[in-house]
């Protein structure tokens, strides 16, 4: 978390309830490509008591609005490959990228 927050081009939002208690956050950073700026969403978290009540959708929409205002052309993210995440991100208009594949090299 500190690693993302301390980046020069980081941008995050905190969501609070009516009692001013933090119930969620979104964090990421702007990334310059050759011809565009994108926003890499690293984490979006909603407290368990507030999940499945629309708060995650509100927070995601707000981060999209804010980063677009700041010059981003897209939001990119990595998500767990399961039914719950697929449903959430599909509902928000996110699609699986066909032109990228995640690579990993595990150290022994």
Protein backbone atom coordinates (compact mmCIF):
# COMPACT_ATOMS: atom_id res chain seq x y z
CA UNK A 1 0.00 0.00 0.00
CA UNK A 2 2.73 2.48 0.94
CA UNK A 3 4.55 1.66 -2.28
CA UNK A 4 1.63 2.84 -4.43
CA UNK A 5 0.80 5.85 -2.25
CA UNK A 6 4.38 7.11 -2.35
CA UNK A 7 4.65 7.00 -6.15
CA UNK A 8 4.92 10.40 -7.84
CA UNK A 9 1.87 9.81 -10.05
CA UNK A 10 -0.29 7.95 -7.53
CA UNK A 11 -3.96 8.84 -7.10
CA UNK A 12 -6.29 7.36 -4.50
CA UNK A 13 -9.75 7.92 -3.07
CA UNK A 14 -11.18 7.06 0.34
CA UNK A 15 -14.86 6.33 0.90
CA UNK A 16 -16.42 7.10 4.30
CA UNK A 17 -19.86 6.43 5.74
CA UNK A 18 -22.18 8.94 7.41
CA UNK A 19 -20.23 8.60 10.69
CA UNK A 20 -16.99 9.56 8.89
CA UNK A 21 -15.63 6.00 9.19
CA UNK A 22 -13.58 4.65 6.27
CA UNK A 23 -15.51 1.88 4.50
CA UNK A 24 -13.39 1.57 1.37
CA UNK A 25 -10.64 2.92 -0.83
CA UNK A 26 -9.30 2.81 -4.36
CA UNK A 27 -5.64 3.33 -5.18
CA UNK A 28 -3.50 3.34 -8.26
CA UNK A 29 -1.22 5.46 -10.41
CA UNK A 30 -1.01 7.21 -13.75
CA UNK A 31 1.19 5.50 -16.32
CA UNK A 32 2.61 7.23 -19.41
CA UNK A 33 2.68 5.20 -22.61
CA UNK A 34 4.08 6.41 -25.93
CA UNK A 35 0.96 8.30 -26.95
CA UNK A 36 -1.50 8.17 -24.01
CA UNK A 37 -1.72 8.25 -20.24
CA UNK A 38 -3.48 5.36 -18.55
CA UNK A 39 -4.45 4.77 -14.94
CA UNK A 40 -3.47 1.48 -13.31
CA UNK A 41 -5.97 0.61 -10.59
CA UNK A 42 -4.02 -1.45 -8.07
CA UNK A 43 -6.64 -1.94 -5.34
CA UNK A 44 -10.30 -1.28 -4.75
CA UNK A 45 -11.52 -2.44 -1.35
CA UNK A 46 -14.91 -2.16 0.36
CA UNK A 47 -15.40 -3.27 3.96
CA UNK A 48 -17.24 -6.60 4.19
CA UNK A 49 -20.23 -4.99 5.93
CA UNK A 50 -20.74 -2.66 2.95
CA UNK A 51 -20.21 -5.12 0.10
CA UNK A 52 -23.04 -6.02 -2.31
CA UNK A 53 -24.79 -2.71 -1.57
CA UNK A 54 -23.51 -0.62 -4.49
CA UNK A 55 -20.65 1.12 -2.68
CA UNK A 56 -17.98 -0.56 -4.80
CA UNK A 57 -19.73 0.55 -7.99
CA UNK A 58 -19.98 4.12 -6.69
CA UNK A 59 -16.28 4.17 -5.76
CA UNK A 60 -15.19 2.68 -9.09
CA UNK A 61 -17.29 5.21 -11.03
CA UNK A 62 -15.81 8.07 -8.98
CA UNK A 63 -12.23 6.95 -9.57
CA UNK A 64 -12.98 6.66 -13.31
CA UNK A 65 -14.44 10.17 -13.38
CA UNK A 66 -11.54 11.71 -11.47
CA UNK A 67 -8.74 10.06 -13.47
CA UNK A 68 -10.44 10.94 -16.75
CA UNK A 69 -10.60 14.58 -15.59
CA UNK A 70 -6.86 14.33 -14.86
CA UNK A 71 -6.06 13.16 -18.40
CA UNK A 72 -6.24 9.36 -18.34
CA UNK A 73 -7.56 7.68 -21.47
CA UNK A 74 -8.28 4.36 -19.77
CA UNK A 75 -8.31 2.44 -16.52
CA UNK A 76 -6.48 -0.87 -16.52
CA UNK A 77 -6.40 -3.44 -13.76
CA UNK A 78 -5.68 -7.02 -12.89
CA UNK A 79 -8.46 -8.99 -11.25
CA UNK A 80 -8.93 -12.39 -9.71
CA UNK A 81 -10.29 -14.76 -12.35
CA UNK A 82 -13.50 -15.86 -10.66
CA UNK A 83 -17.24 -15.44 -11.16
CA UNK A 84 -17.67 -12.70 -8.53
CA UNK A 85 -14.97 -10.44 -9.97
CA UNK A 86 -16.06 -11.15 -13.54
CA UNK A 87 -19.64 -10.12 -12.72
CA UNK A 88 -18.54 -6.96 -10.89
CA UNK A 89 -16.19 -5.69 -13.60
CA UNK A 90 -18.46 -6.71 -16.51
CA UNK A 91 -21.30 -4.75 -14.90
CA UNK A 92 -18.98 -1.72 -14.80
CA UNK A 93 -18.10 -2.12 -18.50
CA UNK A 94 -14.68 -3.74 -18.16
CA UNK A 95 -13.67 -6.38 -20.69
CA UNK A 96 -10.87 -8.90 -20.78
CA UNK A 97 -8.01 -7.54 -22.86
CA UNK A 98 -7.36 -9.78 -25.85
CA UNK A 99 -4.06 -8.12 -26.72
CA UNK A 100 -2.27 -8.72 -23.39
CA UNK A 101 -1.32 -11.78 -21.43
CA UNK A 102 0.09 -11.78 -17.95
CA UNK A 103 3.51 -13.39 -17.62
CA UNK A 104 5.18 -14.50 -14.42
CA UNK A 105 8.48 -16.10 -13.53
CA UNK A 106 8.52 -17.79 -10.13
CA UNK A 107 11.83 -18.02 -8.29
CA UNK A 108 12.77 -21.29 -6.65
